[in-house]
Each structure stands twice: as C-alpha cells, then as structure tokens.
N, C-alpha and C. Protein backbone atom coordinates (compact mmCIF):
# COMPACT_ATOMS: atom_id res chain seq x y z
N MET A 1 0.84 -1.17 0.00
CA MET A 1 0.00 0.00 0.00
C MET A 1 0.88 1.24 0.00
N ALA A 2 0.59 2.18 -0.89
CA ALA A 2 1.37 3.41 -0.96
C ALA A 2 1.07 4.28 0.25
N LYS A 3 2.09 4.97 0.72
CA LYS A 3 1.86 5.83 1.88
C LYS A 3 1.07 7.06 1.45
N PRO A 4 0.15 7.52 2.30
CA PRO A 4 -0.63 8.71 1.98
C PRO A 4 0.27 9.93 1.83
N LYS A 5 -0.15 10.84 0.95
CA LYS A 5 0.61 12.06 0.71
C LYS A 5 -0.29 13.26 1.04
N ILE A 6 0.15 14.06 1.99
CA ILE A 6 -0.59 15.25 2.41
C ILE A 6 0.24 16.47 2.06
N VAL A 7 -0.35 17.38 1.27
CA VAL A 7 0.33 18.60 0.86
C VAL A 7 -0.51 19.79 1.33
N ILE A 8 0.10 20.65 2.11
CA ILE A 8 -0.59 21.81 2.67
C ILE A 8 -0.09 23.06 1.95
N CYS A 9 -1.04 23.86 1.44
CA CYS A 9 -0.66 25.09 0.76
C CYS A 9 -0.10 26.07 1.78
N LEU A 10 1.08 26.60 1.50
CA LEU A 10 1.75 27.55 2.37
C LEU A 10 1.76 28.96 1.78
N GLY A 11 0.97 29.14 0.71
CA GLY A 11 0.83 30.48 0.15
C GLY A 11 0.28 31.42 1.20
N SER A 12 0.57 32.71 1.10
CA SER A 12 0.20 33.65 2.16
C SER A 12 -1.29 33.66 2.45
N SER A 13 -2.13 33.56 1.44
CA SER A 13 -3.57 33.59 1.66
C SER A 13 -4.03 32.35 2.43
N CYS A 14 -3.65 31.17 1.97
CA CYS A 14 -4.05 29.94 2.66
C CYS A 14 -3.47 29.88 4.06
N PHE A 15 -2.24 30.31 4.21
CA PHE A 15 -1.58 30.27 5.51
C PHE A 15 -2.32 31.18 6.49
N ALA A 16 -2.66 32.39 6.04
CA ALA A 16 -3.36 33.35 6.89
C ALA A 16 -4.79 32.92 7.18
N ARG A 17 -5.41 32.22 6.25
CA ARG A 17 -6.81 31.80 6.42
C ARG A 17 -6.97 30.55 7.28
N GLY A 18 -5.88 29.89 7.62
CA GLY A 18 -6.05 28.75 8.51
C GLY A 18 -5.07 27.62 8.36
N ASN A 19 -4.27 27.61 7.33
CA ASN A 19 -3.35 26.48 7.18
C ASN A 19 -2.22 26.50 8.22
N GLU A 20 -1.98 27.64 8.83
CA GLU A 20 -1.01 27.65 9.93
C GLU A 20 -1.53 26.75 11.05
N GLU A 21 -2.81 26.88 11.38
CA GLU A 21 -3.41 26.03 12.41
C GLU A 21 -3.54 24.59 11.92
N ASN A 22 -3.86 24.40 10.64
CA ASN A 22 -3.99 23.04 10.09
C ASN A 22 -2.67 22.27 10.20
N ILE A 23 -1.56 22.95 10.05
CA ILE A 23 -0.26 22.30 10.20
C ILE A 23 -0.12 21.76 11.62
N ARG A 24 -0.51 22.56 12.60
CA ARG A 24 -0.45 22.11 13.99
C ARG A 24 -1.36 20.90 14.22
N VAL A 25 -2.55 20.93 13.62
CA VAL A 25 -3.49 19.81 13.75
C VAL A 25 -2.87 18.54 13.17
N VAL A 26 -2.27 18.63 12.00
CA VAL A 26 -1.66 17.46 11.36
C VAL A 26 -0.51 16.93 12.21
N GLU A 27 0.37 17.80 12.64
CA GLU A 27 1.52 17.36 13.44
C GLU A 27 1.07 16.69 14.73
N ALA A 28 0.07 17.27 15.41
CA ALA A 28 -0.44 16.69 16.65
C ALA A 28 -1.08 15.33 16.39
N TYR A 29 -1.86 15.22 15.32
CA TYR A 29 -2.53 13.96 14.99
C TYR A 29 -1.51 12.86 14.70
N LEU A 30 -0.50 13.19 13.91
CA LEU A 30 0.53 12.20 13.59
C LEU A 30 1.23 11.73 14.86
N ALA A 31 1.55 12.67 15.75
CA ALA A 31 2.24 12.31 16.99
C ALA A 31 1.34 11.48 17.91
N GLU A 32 0.08 11.89 18.07
CA GLU A 32 -0.85 11.19 18.96
C GLU A 32 -1.14 9.77 18.50
N ASN A 33 -1.06 9.54 17.20
CA ASN A 33 -1.39 8.23 16.65
C ASN A 33 -0.17 7.45 16.19
N SER A 34 0.99 7.93 16.57
CA SER A 34 2.26 7.25 16.30
C SER A 34 2.51 7.01 14.81
N TYR A 35 2.07 7.95 13.98
CA TYR A 35 2.43 7.90 12.56
C TYR A 35 3.75 8.64 12.41
N ARG A 36 4.68 8.05 11.71
CA ARG A 36 5.99 8.67 11.53
C ARG A 36 6.06 9.35 10.17
N ASP A 37 6.26 10.67 10.22
CA ASP A 37 6.40 11.47 9.01
C ASP A 37 7.56 10.92 8.18
N GLU A 38 7.35 10.87 6.88
CA GLU A 38 8.33 10.40 5.89
C GLU A 38 8.52 8.88 5.90
N VAL A 39 7.94 8.16 6.86
CA VAL A 39 8.01 6.71 6.86
C VAL A 39 6.64 6.15 6.51
N GLU A 40 5.60 6.63 7.21
CA GLU A 40 4.26 6.12 6.99
C GLU A 40 3.35 7.10 6.27
N VAL A 41 3.76 8.34 6.21
CA VAL A 41 2.99 9.37 5.52
C VAL A 41 3.96 10.41 4.98
N GLU A 42 3.67 10.92 3.80
CA GLU A 42 4.49 11.98 3.22
C GLU A 42 3.77 13.31 3.45
N LEU A 43 4.36 14.16 4.24
CA LEU A 43 3.79 15.46 4.57
C LEU A 43 4.69 16.54 3.99
N SER A 44 4.09 17.43 3.21
CA SER A 44 4.88 18.50 2.61
C SER A 44 4.03 19.75 2.44
N GLY A 45 4.69 20.81 2.05
CA GLY A 45 4.01 22.07 1.78
C GLY A 45 4.22 22.45 0.33
N THR A 46 3.40 23.35 -0.14
CA THR A 46 3.52 23.85 -1.50
C THR A 46 3.28 25.35 -1.50
N LEU A 47 3.81 26.01 -2.49
CA LEU A 47 3.52 27.42 -2.65
C LEU A 47 2.15 27.56 -3.30
N CYS A 48 1.71 28.76 -3.47
CA CYS A 48 0.37 29.05 -3.98
C CYS A 48 0.04 28.23 -5.23
N GLN A 49 -1.16 27.69 -5.22
CA GLN A 49 -1.66 26.91 -6.35
C GLN A 49 -2.73 27.67 -7.13
N ALA A 50 -2.82 28.99 -6.91
CA ALA A 50 -3.74 29.91 -7.61
C ALA A 50 -5.20 29.57 -7.35
N ARG A 51 -5.49 29.09 -6.14
CA ARG A 51 -6.88 28.84 -5.73
C ARG A 51 -7.14 29.59 -4.42
N CYS A 52 -6.59 30.78 -4.33
CA CYS A 52 -6.61 31.54 -3.08
C CYS A 52 -8.02 31.79 -2.56
N ALA A 53 -8.96 32.10 -3.43
CA ALA A 53 -10.33 32.40 -3.00
C ALA A 53 -11.00 31.20 -2.34
N ASP A 54 -10.51 30.01 -2.62
CA ASP A 54 -11.09 28.78 -2.06
C ASP A 54 -10.39 28.32 -0.81
N GLY A 55 -9.32 29.00 -0.40
CA GLY A 55 -8.48 28.53 0.69
C GLY A 55 -9.12 28.61 2.05
N PRO A 56 -8.48 27.96 3.00
CA PRO A 56 -7.22 27.23 2.90
C PRO A 56 -7.38 25.90 2.17
N ASN A 57 -6.39 25.58 1.36
CA ASN A 57 -6.41 24.39 0.52
C ASN A 57 -5.41 23.35 1.01
N VAL A 58 -5.83 22.10 0.92
CA VAL A 58 -5.01 20.96 1.29
C VAL A 58 -5.19 19.91 0.21
N ILE A 59 -4.11 19.24 -0.17
CA ILE A 59 -4.19 18.17 -1.17
C ILE A 59 -3.82 16.86 -0.47
N ILE A 60 -4.71 15.89 -0.56
CA ILE A 60 -4.45 14.57 0.01
C ILE A 60 -4.59 13.53 -1.09
N ASP A 61 -3.51 12.83 -1.34
CA ASP A 61 -3.46 11.81 -2.38
C ASP A 61 -4.00 12.32 -3.71
N GLY A 62 -3.62 13.55 -4.05
CA GLY A 62 -3.97 14.13 -5.34
C GLY A 62 -5.33 14.80 -5.41
N VAL A 63 -6.12 14.73 -4.34
CA VAL A 63 -7.44 15.36 -4.30
C VAL A 63 -7.33 16.67 -3.52
N THR A 64 -7.79 17.77 -4.13
CA THR A 64 -7.73 19.07 -3.48
C THR A 64 -8.99 19.30 -2.66
N TYR A 65 -8.79 19.70 -1.42
CA TYR A 65 -9.87 20.06 -0.52
C TYR A 65 -9.75 21.54 -0.22
N SER A 66 -10.87 22.26 -0.30
CA SER A 66 -10.87 23.70 -0.11
C SER A 66 -11.64 24.08 1.15
N LYS A 67 -11.34 25.29 1.63
CA LYS A 67 -11.98 25.83 2.84
C LYS A 67 -11.83 24.87 4.01
N VAL A 68 -10.63 24.35 4.16
CA VAL A 68 -10.34 23.36 5.19
C VAL A 68 -10.04 24.05 6.52
N ASP A 69 -10.97 23.90 7.46
CA ASP A 69 -10.72 24.42 8.80
C ASP A 69 -10.18 23.27 9.65
N PRO A 70 -9.74 23.53 10.89
CA PRO A 70 -9.15 22.46 11.70
C PRO A 70 -10.06 21.25 11.90
N GLY A 71 -11.37 21.46 12.01
CA GLY A 71 -12.30 20.33 12.15
C GLY A 71 -12.33 19.46 10.91
N VAL A 72 -12.39 20.10 9.75
CA VAL A 72 -12.37 19.35 8.49
C VAL A 72 -11.03 18.64 8.33
N MET A 73 -9.94 19.33 8.70
CA MET A 73 -8.61 18.72 8.61
C MET A 73 -8.56 17.45 9.44
N LEU A 74 -9.10 17.49 10.64
CA LEU A 74 -9.11 16.31 11.51
C LEU A 74 -9.93 15.19 10.89
N ASP A 75 -11.08 15.52 10.32
CA ASP A 75 -11.91 14.50 9.64
C ASP A 75 -11.16 13.86 8.48
N LEU A 76 -10.46 14.68 7.69
CA LEU A 76 -9.70 14.16 6.56
C LEU A 76 -8.58 13.24 7.04
N LEU A 77 -7.92 13.63 8.12
CA LEU A 77 -6.85 12.79 8.68
C LEU A 77 -7.40 11.45 9.16
N ARG A 78 -8.52 11.48 9.85
CA ARG A 78 -9.12 10.25 10.35
C ARG A 78 -9.50 9.31 9.22
N LYS A 79 -9.95 9.88 8.11
CA LYS A 79 -10.33 9.07 6.94
C LYS A 79 -9.08 8.50 6.26
N THR A 80 -8.04 9.31 6.15
CA THR A 80 -6.82 8.91 5.45
C THR A 80 -5.92 8.04 6.30
N LEU A 81 -5.79 8.38 7.57
CA LEU A 81 -4.91 7.69 8.50
C LEU A 81 -5.74 7.34 9.75
N PRO A 82 -6.37 6.18 9.77
CA PRO A 82 -7.24 5.84 10.89
C PRO A 82 -6.53 5.96 12.23
N PRO A 83 -7.29 6.44 13.25
CA PRO A 83 -6.70 6.55 14.59
C PRO A 83 -6.20 5.19 15.07
N ARG A 84 -5.12 5.23 15.80
CA ARG A 84 -4.54 4.00 16.37
C ARG A 84 -4.76 4.01 17.86
N GLY A 85 -5.06 2.86 18.41
CA GLY A 85 -5.16 2.75 19.86
C GLY A 85 -3.76 2.71 20.45
N ASN A 86 -3.48 3.64 21.31
CA ASN A 86 -2.13 3.72 21.90
C ASN A 86 -2.13 3.20 23.30
C-alpha cells in the first residue's frame, strides 16, 4: 500500500486563512497516533496553487480540498490515517 501524501498550501492567503493552524493539527494527529512522518505518511508544503479564493487548501493523495478548517482537517486525517489505539 502506498503511503498517503498530504500537501498543505503555504501560500500567504491559505496560511493566513487557517493552514497555519492546520499544520499544527496534522503534526499533533501524527504524533498522537504514532504515525511517523516520511516513513508512513508523506507530509509537505507547496507554494500558492492559484486557488486563493477557495483557501485554505489541502491536497491529500492528489485530491484538493478547499476551505479546510481544523475540524475538516481532523476529519480528513481520520479518513486517510485511521486513529490508532495507543
């Protein structure tokens, strides 16, 4: 199974609209569920993808999600990387 790929837009508009917080949500989720970045999931950032009006934007496994707030980000993570019992 290919490891999931999460790309967070770091363009100024998306970052200011909420991707700064979304990064914290992703990092906390990965840590809480013992997912290791770069081993079990590929996490990266990208510069503006020219969809600023729809931001904050996140791309997961090639699918772009728009207007992603921290709650939506958590739902997407749970769907992509199921919670693990620790």
